[in-house]
N, C-alpha and C. Protein backbone atom coordinates (compact mmCIF):
# COMPACT_ATOMS: atom_id res chain seq x y z
N UNK A 1 86.80 80.57 59.34
CA UNK A 1 86.46 81.45 60.44
C UNK A 1 86.01 82.79 59.86
N UNK A 2 84.82 83.21 60.20
CA UNK A 2 84.32 84.48 59.70
C UNK A 2 84.84 85.62 60.58
N UNK A 3 85.04 86.75 59.94
CA UNK A 3 85.50 87.93 60.66
C UNK A 3 84.36 88.91 60.73
N UNK A 4 84.23 89.51 61.87
CA UNK A 4 83.20 90.51 62.09
C UNK A 4 83.68 91.86 61.58
N UNK A 5 82.76 92.62 61.02
CA UNK A 5 83.08 93.98 60.59
C UNK A 5 82.08 94.92 61.25
N UNK A 6 82.60 96.00 61.83
CA UNK A 6 81.79 97.05 62.44
C UNK A 6 82.28 98.39 61.93
N UNK A 7 81.39 99.34 61.91
CA UNK A 7 81.73 100.72 61.60
C UNK A 7 81.59 101.48 62.90
N UNK A 8 82.67 102.09 63.34
CA UNK A 8 82.67 102.75 64.65
C UNK A 8 83.10 104.21 64.53
N UNK A 9 82.79 104.94 65.59
CA UNK A 9 83.35 106.26 65.80
C UNK A 9 84.35 106.10 66.93
N UNK A 10 85.59 106.48 66.69
CA UNK A 10 86.66 106.37 67.68
C UNK A 10 87.06 107.76 68.11
N UNK A 11 86.91 108.05 69.40
CA UNK A 11 87.32 109.33 69.95
C UNK A 11 88.83 109.31 70.22
N UNK A 12 89.41 110.48 70.30
CA UNK A 12 90.86 110.60 70.50
C UNK A 12 91.34 109.92 71.78
N UNK A 13 90.45 109.81 72.78
CA UNK A 13 90.84 109.18 74.05
C UNK A 13 90.59 107.67 74.07
N UNK A 14 90.19 107.09 72.94
CA UNK A 14 89.99 105.65 72.85
C UNK A 14 88.56 105.18 73.01
N UNK A 15 87.69 106.05 73.55
CA UNK A 15 86.29 105.65 73.65
C UNK A 15 85.73 105.49 72.24
N UNK A 16 84.76 104.63 72.10
CA UNK A 16 84.25 104.32 70.77
C UNK A 16 82.78 103.93 70.83
N UNK A 17 82.15 104.07 69.67
CA UNK A 17 80.73 103.80 69.55
C UNK A 17 80.47 103.09 68.23
N UNK A 18 79.75 101.99 68.27
CA UNK A 18 79.39 101.27 67.05
C UNK A 18 78.22 101.97 66.38
N UNK A 19 78.40 102.31 65.11
CA UNK A 19 77.32 102.92 64.35
C UNK A 19 76.68 101.92 63.39
N UNK A 20 77.44 100.95 62.94
CA UNK A 20 76.91 99.96 62.02
C UNK A 20 77.54 98.62 62.26
N UNK A 21 76.73 97.58 62.22
CA UNK A 21 77.26 96.25 62.44
C UNK A 21 77.22 95.42 61.17
N UNK A 22 76.11 95.38 60.51
CA UNK A 22 75.97 94.56 59.31
C UNK A 22 76.00 95.39 58.04
N UNK A 23 75.97 96.69 58.19
CA UNK A 23 76.03 97.62 57.07
C UNK A 23 76.58 98.95 57.58
N UNK A 24 77.25 99.69 56.71
CA UNK A 24 77.78 100.98 57.17
C UNK A 24 76.66 101.96 57.48
N UNK A 25 76.94 102.89 58.39
CA UNK A 25 75.93 103.92 58.71
C UNK A 25 75.78 104.89 57.55
N UNK A 26 74.67 105.59 57.53
CA UNK A 26 74.50 106.59 56.48
C UNK A 26 75.24 107.87 56.87
N UNK A 27 75.36 108.77 55.91
CA UNK A 27 76.11 110.02 56.14
C UNK A 27 75.54 110.85 57.27
N UNK A 28 74.22 110.82 57.44
CA UNK A 28 73.58 111.59 58.51
C UNK A 28 74.02 111.09 59.89
N UNK A 29 74.10 109.76 60.06
CA UNK A 29 74.55 109.21 61.34
C UNK A 29 75.98 109.62 61.65
N UNK A 30 76.84 109.58 60.64
CA UNK A 30 78.24 109.98 60.83
C UNK A 30 78.32 111.46 61.18
N UNK A 31 77.53 112.28 60.50
CA UNK A 31 77.52 113.72 60.78
C UNK A 31 77.04 114.01 62.20
N UNK A 32 76.02 113.27 62.67
CA UNK A 32 75.54 113.45 64.04
C UNK A 32 76.62 113.07 65.05
N UNK A 33 77.34 111.99 64.77
CA UNK A 33 78.42 111.57 65.66
C UNK A 33 79.53 112.63 65.70
N UNK A 34 79.85 113.19 64.54
CA UNK A 34 80.88 114.24 64.48
C UNK A 34 80.45 115.45 65.31
N UNK A 35 79.19 115.81 65.21
CA UNK A 35 78.67 116.95 66.00
C UNK A 35 78.72 116.65 67.49
N UNK A 36 78.39 115.41 67.86
CA UNK A 36 78.44 115.03 69.28
C UNK A 36 79.86 115.09 69.82
N UNK A 37 80.83 114.64 69.03
CA UNK A 37 82.23 114.73 69.45
C UNK A 37 82.64 116.19 69.64
N UNK A 38 82.33 117.00 68.66
CA UNK A 38 82.70 118.41 68.74
C UNK A 38 82.04 119.10 69.93
N UNK A 39 80.81 118.71 70.24
CA UNK A 39 80.08 119.32 71.36
C UNK A 39 80.75 119.06 72.70
N UNK A 40 81.44 117.93 72.82
CA UNK A 40 82.14 117.62 74.08
C UNK A 40 83.64 117.88 73.99
N UNK A 41 84.07 118.50 72.88
CA UNK A 41 85.47 118.88 72.74
C UNK A 41 86.42 117.76 72.39
N UNK A 42 85.91 116.71 71.75
CA UNK A 42 86.76 115.58 71.37
C UNK A 42 86.94 115.52 69.86
N UNK A 43 88.14 115.19 69.43
CA UNK A 43 88.38 114.86 68.03
C UNK A 43 88.08 113.37 67.89
N UNK A 44 87.84 112.92 66.68
CA UNK A 44 87.57 111.50 66.48
C UNK A 44 87.66 111.11 65.02
N UNK A 45 87.42 109.83 64.77
CA UNK A 45 87.52 109.29 63.43
C UNK A 45 86.38 108.32 63.18
N UNK A 46 85.94 108.28 61.94
CA UNK A 46 85.01 107.27 61.45
C UNK A 46 85.90 106.13 60.99
N UNK A 47 85.68 104.91 61.53
CA UNK A 47 86.63 103.81 61.39
C UNK A 47 85.90 102.51 61.07
N UNK A 48 86.56 101.65 60.28
CA UNK A 48 86.09 100.28 60.10
C UNK A 48 86.91 99.40 61.04
N UNK A 49 86.21 98.61 61.83
CA UNK A 49 86.85 97.66 62.75
C UNK A 49 86.60 96.27 62.20
N UNK A 50 87.67 95.55 61.88
CA UNK A 50 87.57 94.17 61.42
C UNK A 50 88.10 93.24 62.50
N UNK A 51 87.33 92.23 62.82
CA UNK A 51 87.73 91.24 63.82
C UNK A 51 86.74 91.18 64.97
N UNK A 52 86.92 90.21 65.83
CA UNK A 52 86.05 90.04 66.98
C UNK A 52 86.53 90.92 68.12
N UNK A 53 85.79 91.97 68.40
CA UNK A 53 86.15 92.92 69.46
C UNK A 53 86.39 92.19 70.78
N UNK A 54 85.60 91.17 71.07
CA UNK A 54 85.64 90.51 72.37
C UNK A 54 86.65 89.38 72.47
N UNK A 55 87.36 89.10 71.40
CA UNK A 55 88.37 88.05 71.42
C UNK A 55 89.59 88.54 72.18
N UNK A 56 90.03 87.75 73.13
CA UNK A 56 91.21 88.13 73.91
C UNK A 56 92.50 87.75 73.20
N UNK A 57 92.41 86.83 72.25
CA UNK A 57 93.61 86.32 71.59
C UNK A 57 93.90 86.97 70.25
N UNK A 58 92.87 87.31 69.51
CA UNK A 58 93.07 87.83 68.16
C UNK A 58 92.96 89.35 68.16
N UNK A 59 93.93 90.02 67.55
CA UNK A 59 93.84 91.47 67.46
C UNK A 59 92.76 91.89 66.46
N UNK A 60 92.29 93.10 66.59
CA UNK A 60 91.37 93.66 65.61
C UNK A 60 92.16 94.62 64.73
N UNK A 61 91.62 94.89 63.55
CA UNK A 61 92.26 95.84 62.63
C UNK A 61 91.37 97.07 62.51
N UNK A 62 91.96 98.23 62.68
CA UNK A 62 91.25 99.49 62.53
C UNK A 62 91.70 100.16 61.24
N UNK A 63 90.72 100.59 60.44
CA UNK A 63 91.01 101.31 59.21
C UNK A 63 90.29 102.65 59.26
N UNK A 64 91.07 103.74 59.28
CA UNK A 64 90.48 105.06 59.33
C UNK A 64 89.78 105.35 57.99
N UNK A 65 88.53 105.78 58.08
CA UNK A 65 87.76 106.16 56.89
C UNK A 65 87.78 107.67 56.73
N UNK A 66 87.54 108.38 57.84
CA UNK A 66 87.40 109.83 57.76
C UNK A 66 87.67 110.48 59.11
N UNK A 67 88.49 111.53 59.17
CA UNK A 67 88.64 112.26 60.43
C UNK A 67 87.39 113.09 60.70
N UNK A 68 87.05 113.24 61.98
CA UNK A 68 85.86 113.99 62.40
C UNK A 68 86.24 114.99 63.48
N UNK A 69 85.49 116.06 63.59
CA UNK A 69 85.62 117.02 64.69
C UNK A 69 87.06 117.49 64.90
N UNK A 70 87.66 117.95 63.82
CA UNK A 70 89.01 118.53 63.86
C UNK A 70 90.10 117.53 64.20
N UNK A 71 89.86 116.24 63.94
CA UNK A 71 90.90 115.23 64.16
C UNK A 71 92.00 115.40 63.12
N UNK A 72 93.21 115.04 63.49
CA UNK A 72 94.34 115.10 62.56
C UNK A 72 94.99 113.72 62.47
N UNK A 73 95.70 113.49 61.38
CA UNK A 73 96.41 112.22 61.23
C UNK A 73 97.45 112.03 62.33
N UNK A 74 97.99 113.12 62.84
CA UNK A 74 99.00 113.03 63.90
C UNK A 74 98.43 112.42 65.18
N UNK A 75 97.14 112.60 65.43
CA UNK A 75 96.53 112.05 66.63
C UNK A 75 96.08 110.61 66.51
N UNK A 76 96.09 110.08 65.29
CA UNK A 76 95.58 108.72 65.05
C UNK A 76 96.34 107.64 65.83
N UNK A 77 97.68 107.60 65.84
CA UNK A 77 98.37 106.53 66.59
C UNK A 77 98.02 106.50 68.08
N UNK A 78 97.89 107.66 68.70
CA UNK A 78 97.54 107.71 70.12
C UNK A 78 96.12 107.21 70.34
N UNK A 79 95.20 107.55 69.43
CA UNK A 79 93.81 107.09 69.55
C UNK A 79 93.75 105.57 69.39
N UNK A 80 94.51 105.02 68.45
CA UNK A 80 94.57 103.56 68.27
C UNK A 80 95.07 102.87 69.53
N UNK A 81 96.12 103.42 70.12
CA UNK A 81 96.70 102.83 71.33
C UNK A 81 95.71 102.91 72.50
N UNK A 82 95.03 104.04 72.63
CA UNK A 82 94.04 104.19 73.70
C UNK A 82 92.87 103.24 73.50
N UNK A 83 92.44 103.07 72.25
CA UNK A 83 91.37 102.13 71.93
C UNK A 83 91.77 100.71 72.35
N UNK A 84 92.97 100.30 71.98
CA UNK A 84 93.41 98.94 72.29
C UNK A 84 93.52 98.74 73.80
N UNK A 85 93.97 99.74 74.53
CA UNK A 85 94.05 99.62 75.99
C UNK A 85 92.65 99.44 76.58
N UNK A 86 91.67 100.19 76.08
CA UNK A 86 90.29 100.04 76.57
C UNK A 86 89.71 98.68 76.18
N UNK A 87 90.02 98.21 74.97
CA UNK A 87 89.53 96.90 74.52
C UNK A 87 90.10 95.78 75.37
N UNK A 88 91.38 95.85 75.65
CA UNK A 88 92.03 94.83 76.49
C UNK A 88 91.41 94.83 77.88
N UNK A 89 91.19 96.01 78.43
CA UNK A 89 90.57 96.10 79.76
C UNK A 89 89.15 95.54 79.74
N UNK A 90 88.40 95.82 78.68
CA UNK A 90 87.02 95.35 78.59
C UNK A 90 86.93 93.84 78.41
N UNK A 91 87.94 93.26 77.78
CA UNK A 91 87.91 91.82 77.53
C UNK A 91 88.65 91.02 78.60
N UNK A 92 89.16 91.69 79.60
CA UNK A 92 89.85 91.00 80.69
C UNK A 92 88.88 90.08 81.41
N UNK A 93 89.33 88.88 81.72
CA UNK A 93 88.46 87.93 82.42
C UNK A 93 88.10 88.44 83.81
N UNK A 94 88.87 89.39 84.34
CA UNK A 94 88.55 89.96 85.64
C UNK A 94 87.37 90.93 85.55
N UNK A 95 87.10 91.43 84.33
CA UNK A 95 86.03 92.39 84.14
C UNK A 95 84.71 91.68 83.90
N UNK A 96 84.66 90.81 82.90
CA UNK A 96 83.45 90.07 82.58
C UNK A 96 83.75 89.02 81.52
N UNK A 97 82.80 88.10 81.33
CA UNK A 97 82.98 87.10 80.30
C UNK A 97 82.68 87.71 78.94
N UNK A 98 83.16 87.07 77.91
CA UNK A 98 83.00 87.56 76.55
C UNK A 98 81.57 87.47 76.08
N UNK A 99 80.97 88.59 75.65
CA UNK A 99 79.62 88.54 75.09
C UNK A 99 79.55 87.68 73.84
N UNK A 100 80.69 87.54 73.10
CA UNK A 100 80.69 86.71 71.91
C UNK A 100 80.35 85.26 72.23
N UNK A 101 80.76 84.80 73.39
CA UNK A 101 80.50 83.41 73.74
C UNK A 101 79.08 83.20 74.26
N UNK A 102 78.39 84.28 74.62
CA UNK A 102 77.04 84.14 75.16
C UNK A 102 75.98 84.71 74.23
N UNK A 103 76.39 85.33 73.14
CA UNK A 103 75.42 85.93 72.22
C UNK A 103 74.61 84.83 71.52
N UNK A 104 73.32 85.02 71.47
CA UNK A 104 72.46 84.04 70.82
C UNK A 104 71.95 84.54 69.49
N UNK A 105 72.20 85.80 69.17
CA UNK A 105 71.77 86.33 67.89
C UNK A 105 72.74 87.41 67.45
N UNK A 106 72.78 87.72 66.14
CA UNK A 106 73.66 88.78 65.67
C UNK A 106 73.35 90.12 66.33
N UNK A 107 72.10 90.35 66.70
CA UNK A 107 71.72 91.61 67.33
C UNK A 107 72.42 91.75 68.67
N UNK A 108 72.49 90.67 69.43
CA UNK A 108 73.12 90.74 70.76
C UNK A 108 74.63 90.93 70.65
N UNK A 109 75.25 90.46 69.58
CA UNK A 109 76.70 90.57 69.46
C UNK A 109 77.15 91.93 68.96
N UNK A 110 76.23 92.74 68.48
CA UNK A 110 76.61 94.07 67.98
C UNK A 110 75.56 95.08 68.42
N UNK A 111 75.84 95.76 69.50
CA UNK A 111 74.90 96.74 70.03
C UNK A 111 75.46 98.14 69.83
N UNK A 112 74.58 99.08 69.60
CA UNK A 112 75.00 100.47 69.45
C UNK A 112 75.30 101.06 70.82
N UNK A 113 76.32 101.88 70.87
CA UNK A 113 76.70 102.56 72.09
C UNK A 113 76.84 104.04 71.77
N UNK A 114 76.73 104.86 72.78
CA UNK A 114 76.80 106.30 72.59
C UNK A 114 78.01 106.86 73.34
N UNK A 115 78.75 107.73 72.68
CA UNK A 115 79.86 108.41 73.32
C UNK A 115 79.28 109.49 74.21
N UNK A 116 79.68 109.50 75.45
CA UNK A 116 79.20 110.51 76.38
C UNK A 116 80.38 111.19 77.03
N UNK A 117 80.18 112.38 77.50
CA UNK A 117 81.27 113.09 78.17
C UNK A 117 81.41 112.54 79.58
N UNK A 118 82.62 112.66 80.11
CA UNK A 118 82.87 112.16 81.47
C UNK A 118 82.86 113.27 82.46
């Protein structure tokens, strides 16, 4: 069974954005994401996500690479918990079916998303 690897930006409130799916993003992309977080007043982290995000049964593993926008290690556990709550909600069968089961290409299974203010 192959495991998926993504490079994401994780905001302190659990929202997240994929920056790289098959290769890590370059430093400029990470710097732009850090600036975007700071602009909306959010701390965040550059993170490696291992596992199938859309799997309801298997957990994913998050590995912090670098804090961004004034993030601290003390805020990391809360961000992880908020991320997992959002992931569980997104993968709920009441919300929608799993894109992993309907993806026909690697491009469809890993799309870039943008963190926006609410």
